């Protein structure tokens, strides 16, 4: 049986690998509404990428999940 700790560790390991694979950053914040009315938000940011010749190979993107 997988314990709660085992499951958490596996999830965290997979999340770190996913973020690294996409060169992404995960930020946890809130929607900025007033005290007691705000909701949590997870934002993923992936920076632009260029090749050796300076050509853009991947656009910058930021989105909420």
C-alpha atoms as a PDB file:
ATOM      1  CA  UNK A   1       0.000   0.000   0.000  1.00  0.00           C
ATOM      2  CA  UNK A   2       1.174   3.519  -0.799  1.00  0.00           C
ATOM      3  CA  UNK A   3       1.133   5.777   2.191  1.00  0.00           C
ATOM      4  CA  UNK A   4       0.046   9.405   2.018  1.00  0.00           C
ATOM      5  CA  UNK A   5       3.730  10.358   2.313  1.00  0.00           C
ATOM      6  CA  UNK A   6       4.677   8.025  -0.580  1.00  0.00           C
ATOM      7  CA  UNK A   7       1.961   9.544  -2.781  1.00  0.00           C
ATOM      8  CA  UNK A   8       2.982  13.108  -1.940  1.00  0.00           C
ATOM      9  CA  UNK A   9       6.645  12.388  -2.649  1.00  0.00           C
ATOM     10  CA  UNK A  10       5.808  10.774  -6.006  1.00  0.00           C
ATOM     11  CA  UNK A  11       3.598  13.709  -6.993  1.00  0.00           C
ATOM     12  CA  UNK A  12       6.225  16.279  -6.032  1.00  0.00           C
ATOM     13  CA  UNK A  13       8.934  14.365  -7.906  1.00  0.00           C
ATOM     14  CA  UNK A  14       6.762  14.189 -11.044  1.00  0.00           C
ATOM     15  CA  UNK A  15       5.864  17.879 -10.788  1.00  0.00           C
ATOM     16  CA  UNK A  16       9.533  18.889 -10.526  1.00  0.00           C
ATOM     17  CA  UNK A  17      10.326  16.739 -13.575  1.00  0.00           C
ATOM     18  CA  UNK A  18       7.427  18.240 -15.560  1.00  0.00           C
ATOM     19  CA  UNK A  19       8.445  21.800 -14.745  1.00  0.00           C
ATOM     20  CA  UNK A  20      12.070  21.036 -15.670  1.00  0.00           C
ATOM     21  CA  UNK A  21      11.033  19.357 -18.934  1.00  0.00           C
ATOM     22  CA  UNK A  22       9.179  22.513 -20.022  1.00  0.00           C
ATOM     23  CA  UNK A  23      11.638  24.945 -18.382  1.00  0.00           C
ATOM     24  CA  UNK A  24       8.624  26.265 -16.501  1.00  0.00           C
ATOM     25  CA  UNK A  25       8.100  28.042 -13.226  1.00  0.00           C
ATOM     26  CA  UNK A  26       5.064  27.545 -10.969  1.00  0.00           C
ATOM     27  CA  UNK A  27       3.849  30.435  -8.809  1.00  0.00           C
ATOM     28  CA  UNK A  28       1.040  30.127  -6.279  1.00  0.00           C
ATOM     29  CA  UNK A  29      -0.767  33.399  -5.532  1.00  0.00           C
ATOM     30  CA  UNK A  30      -4.278  34.807  -5.232  1.00  0.00           C
ATOM     31  CA  UNK A  31      -6.585  36.804  -7.477  1.00  0.00           C
ATOM     32  CA  UNK A  32      -6.064  40.046  -5.533  1.00  0.00           C
ATOM     33  CA  UNK A  33      -9.637  40.425  -4.306  1.00  0.00           C
ATOM     34  CA  UNK A  34     -10.242  41.895  -0.875  1.00  0.00           C
ATOM     35  CA  UNK A  35      -9.671  39.960   2.353  1.00  0.00           C
ATOM     36  CA  UNK A  36     -11.887  36.916   2.657  1.00  0.00           C
ATOM     37  CA  UNK A  37     -13.040  37.098  -0.954  1.00  0.00           C
ATOM     38  CA  UNK A  38      -9.859  36.053  -2.770  1.00  0.00           C
ATOM     39  CA  UNK A  39      -9.258  32.723  -4.478  1.00  0.00           C
ATOM     40  CA  UNK A  40      -6.019  30.839  -4.969  1.00  0.00           C
ATOM     41  CA  UNK A  41      -4.366  30.825  -8.377  1.00  0.00           C
ATOM     42  CA  UNK A  42      -1.511  28.783  -9.817  1.00  0.00           C
ATOM     43  CA  UNK A  43       0.415  30.541 -12.603  1.00  0.00           C
ATOM     44  CA  UNK A  44       2.796  28.758 -14.963  1.00  0.00           C
ATOM     45  CA  UNK A  45       5.467  30.823 -16.724  1.00  0.00           C
ATOM     46  CA  UNK A  46       7.670  29.617 -19.580  1.00  0.00           C
ATOM     47  CA  UNK A  47      10.273  32.041 -20.922  1.00  0.00           C
ATOM     48  CA  UNK A  48      11.016  32.580 -24.625  1.00  0.00           C
ATOM     49  CA  UNK A  49      13.716  30.403 -26.159  1.00  0.00           C
ATOM     50  CA  UNK A  50      16.178  31.116 -28.986  1.00  0.00           C
ATOM     51  CA  UNK A  51      18.561  28.982 -31.002  1.00  0.00           C
ATOM     52  CA  UNK A  52      22.304  29.623 -31.462  1.00  0.00           C
ATOM     53  CA  UNK A  53      21.626  31.999 -34.397  1.00  0.00           C
ATOM     54  CA  UNK A  54      19.266  34.127 -32.320  1.00  0.00           C
ATOM     55  CA  UNK A  55      16.055  32.838 -33.908  1.00  0.00           C
ATOM     56  CA  UNK A  56      13.035  32.575 -31.625  1.00  0.00           C
ATOM     57  CA  UNK A  57      12.171  28.892 -31.216  1.00  0.00           C
ATOM     58  CA  UNK A  58       9.521  29.103 -28.475  1.00  0.00           C
ATOM     59  CA  UNK A  59       7.256  31.976 -27.465  1.00  0.00           C
ATOM     60  CA  UNK A  60       6.976  33.284 -23.928  1.00  0.00           C
ATOM     61  CA  UNK A  61       3.805  32.066 -22.285  1.00  0.00           C
ATOM     62  CA  UNK A  62       2.097  32.541 -18.953  1.00  0.00           C
ATOM     63  CA  UNK A  63      -1.162  30.886 -18.005  1.00  0.00           C
ATOM     64  CA  UNK A  64      -3.258  29.954 -14.994  1.00  0.00           C
ATOM     65  CA  UNK A  65      -4.170  26.448 -13.987  1.00  0.00           C
END
